[in-house]
Each structure stands twice: as C-alpha cells, then as structure tokens.
Amino acid sequence: MYFSNTVIWQTYSALFILRSITKYFIEIDSEQNLYPYFLPHDNSIERISLMSIFVDTLFRTTIFVPVESYSYGLHLEVLNTLLSLLSIQMCAKEAALISAIYSIFMHRLEYGNKIYLKI
C-alpha cells in the first residue's frame, strides 16, 4: 500500500493541533468541556461518539500504517496523542473510572482483545 508523504505530513500536522487542543482541555480546563466537541451532531438512531471514532482511528493507524522512515513522525504523533488522552488520570479532579475518555479506551481495549483472540 502506498502512502503519500504529503498526506502523512498533513495528518501529522492535524494530529499535532488536535493533541495540543485536547491536552489543553485535559490539563487546564476539564474533560466536561472537551467532550461536547466530540459528540455527534445528527439525530440518527445509532449515535456513535466522535471521540470513540477518533480513538479507534488512532489505534488503527498504529496497526495498519507501516513503520517506515517517512511515517515515523506520524506514528510518534499518534502515540503522543494517545498518551495525552490517557493523561486524564493524572489531571482529573474526579476518579478516572467515571471519565468518558477513559471508558472509551477500556472499551476499545476489551473489544480489540476479542477481535485479536479470534484471529
């Protein structure tokens, strides 16, 4: 599979901006003010959180994009973004177990284990 260097660097830059914004909300503001930006805006029956899709896409990027010299920056930024989202445990004023972001990660890991154990 061929990945364009331009697309990879644009994705890297977009992830850097998203990581900076989410890091601000997690460290300075609060998760309650971050999460509404990731809620779906349609009235469909199946309302999947955009945060769930975002986290799932980050996981899939680490798995499916090959680690090459041209994609190293992208992988580094994906992992930094995942770590920034998981830092909610360090910065939260309430228990992280009730955190929406933390529950998305734990659900994703549980779902991922079921899929990979079947293979």
Protein backbone atom coordinates (compact mmCIF):
# COMPACT_ATOMS: atom_id res chain seq x y z
CA MET A 1 0.00 0.00 0.00
CA TYR A 2 1.38 3.39 -0.99
CA PHE A 3 1.10 6.33 1.40
CA SER A 4 1.84 9.79 0.06
CA ASN A 5 4.37 11.82 2.05
CA THR A 6 2.15 14.89 1.72
CA VAL A 7 -0.85 13.10 3.22
CA ILE A 8 1.27 11.71 6.05
CA TRP A 9 2.69 15.13 6.94
CA GLN A 10 -0.73 16.77 6.74
CA THR A 11 -2.11 14.09 9.04
CA TYR A 12 0.84 14.59 11.37
CA SER A 13 0.18 18.35 11.50
CA ALA A 14 -3.55 17.84 12.11
CA LEU A 15 -2.82 15.38 14.92
CA PHE A 16 -0.39 17.85 16.48
CA ILE A 17 -3.13 20.50 16.55
CA LEU A 18 -5.70 18.05 17.95
CA ARG A 19 -3.24 16.85 20.58
CA SER A 20 -2.49 20.41 21.66
CA ILE A 21 -6.18 21.25 21.98
CA THR A 22 -7.10 18.07 23.84
CA LYS A 23 -4.07 18.44 26.10
CA TYR A 24 -5.20 21.97 27.00
CA PHE A 25 -8.70 20.79 27.86
CA ILE A 26 -7.42 17.85 29.89
CA GLU A 27 -4.72 19.73 31.83
CA ILE A 28 -6.11 23.26 32.17
CA ASP A 29 -9.84 23.15 31.62
CA SER A 30 -11.87 19.97 32.13
CA GLU A 31 -12.98 16.88 30.30
CA GLN A 32 -16.59 18.04 30.56
CA ASN A 33 -15.74 20.99 28.31
CA LEU A 34 -13.78 18.83 25.84
CA TYR A 35 -16.26 16.02 25.34
CA PRO A 36 -19.11 18.08 23.77
CA TYR A 37 -16.85 18.85 20.80
CA PHE A 38 -16.71 15.12 20.06
CA LEU A 39 -20.45 14.39 20.34
CA PRO A 40 -22.34 13.55 17.14
CA HIS A 41 -24.48 16.36 15.79
CA ASP A 42 -27.00 14.28 13.87
CA ASN A 43 -30.21 12.77 15.18
CA SER A 44 -29.60 9.25 13.92
CA ILE A 45 -30.57 6.23 15.96
CA GLU A 46 -27.01 4.94 16.17
CA ARG A 47 -25.16 7.80 17.85
CA ILE A 48 -21.52 6.82 17.96
CA SER A 49 -19.33 9.31 19.76
CA LEU A 50 -16.77 11.07 17.59
CA MET A 51 -14.29 10.55 20.43
CA SER A 52 -14.78 6.78 20.06
CA ILE A 53 -14.16 7.05 16.33
CA PHE A 54 -11.11 9.25 16.96
CA VAL A 55 -9.56 6.80 19.44
CA ASP A 56 -10.37 3.85 17.19
CA THR A 57 -8.73 5.61 14.23
CA LEU A 58 -5.62 6.30 16.30
CA PHE A 59 -5.39 2.62 17.24
CA ARG A 60 -5.92 1.53 13.64
CA THR A 61 -3.25 3.94 12.43
CA THR A 62 -0.67 2.40 14.73
CA ILE A 63 -1.62 -1.06 13.49
CA PHE A 64 -2.13 -0.64 9.75
CA VAL A 65 0.27 2.11 8.65
CA PRO A 66 3.69 0.52 8.14
CA VAL A 67 6.52 1.90 10.25
CA GLU A 68 8.92 3.34 7.71
CA SER A 69 11.26 6.31 7.76
CA TYR A 70 8.63 8.52 6.09
CA SER A 71 5.86 7.52 8.54
CA TYR A 72 7.90 7.73 11.75
CA GLY A 73 6.64 11.23 12.58
CA LEU A 74 3.04 10.14 12.11
CA HIS A 75 3.46 7.15 14.43
CA LEU A 76 5.16 9.32 17.01
CA GLU A 77 2.33 11.86 16.93
CA VAL A 78 -0.35 9.15 17.12
CA LEU A 79 1.29 7.66 20.21
CA ASN A 80 1.74 11.12 21.77
CA THR A 81 -1.95 11.84 21.16
CA LEU A 82 -2.98 8.55 22.76
CA LEU A 83 -0.78 9.31 25.77
CA SER A 84 -2.20 12.82 26.04
CA LEU A 85 -5.73 11.42 26.09
CA LEU A 86 -4.74 8.86 28.72
CA SER A 87 -3.21 11.58 30.89
CA ILE A 88 -6.74 12.33 32.05
CA GLN A 89 -5.91 10.12 35.05
CA MET A 90 -3.14 12.46 36.16
CA CYS A 91 -5.06 15.70 35.70
CA ALA A 92 -8.64 14.77 36.57
CA LYS A 93 -10.24 16.06 39.72
CA GLU A 94 -12.59 13.06 39.88
CA ALA A 95 -11.89 9.37 39.58
CA ALA A 96 -10.73 8.39 36.11
CA LEU A 97 -13.04 5.36 36.11
CA ILE A 98 -16.01 7.66 35.50
CA SER A 99 -14.18 9.55 32.78
CA ALA A 100 -15.78 9.22 29.35
CA ILE A 101 -12.40 9.18 27.60
CA TYR A 102 -11.02 6.53 29.95
CA SER A 103 -14.09 4.33 29.42
CA ILE A 104 -13.67 4.64 25.62
CA PHE A 105 -10.09 3.41 25.92
CA MET A 106 -11.04 0.49 28.16
CA HIS A 107 -13.95 -0.48 25.91
CA ARG A 108 -11.67 -0.28 22.86
CA LEU A 109 -9.07 -2.48 24.50
CA GLU A 110 -11.72 -5.02 25.53
CA TYR A 111 -13.21 -5.03 22.00
CA GLY A 112 -9.75 -5.27 20.43
CA ASN A 113 -8.79 -8.26 22.57
CA LYS A 114 -11.91 -10.13 21.43
CA ILE A 115 -11.11 -9.48 17.79
CA TYR A 116 -7.42 -10.41 18.01
CA LEU A 117 -8.07 -13.57 20.00
CA LYS A 118 -10.35 -14.87 17.21
CA ILE A 119 -7.63 -14.49 14.56
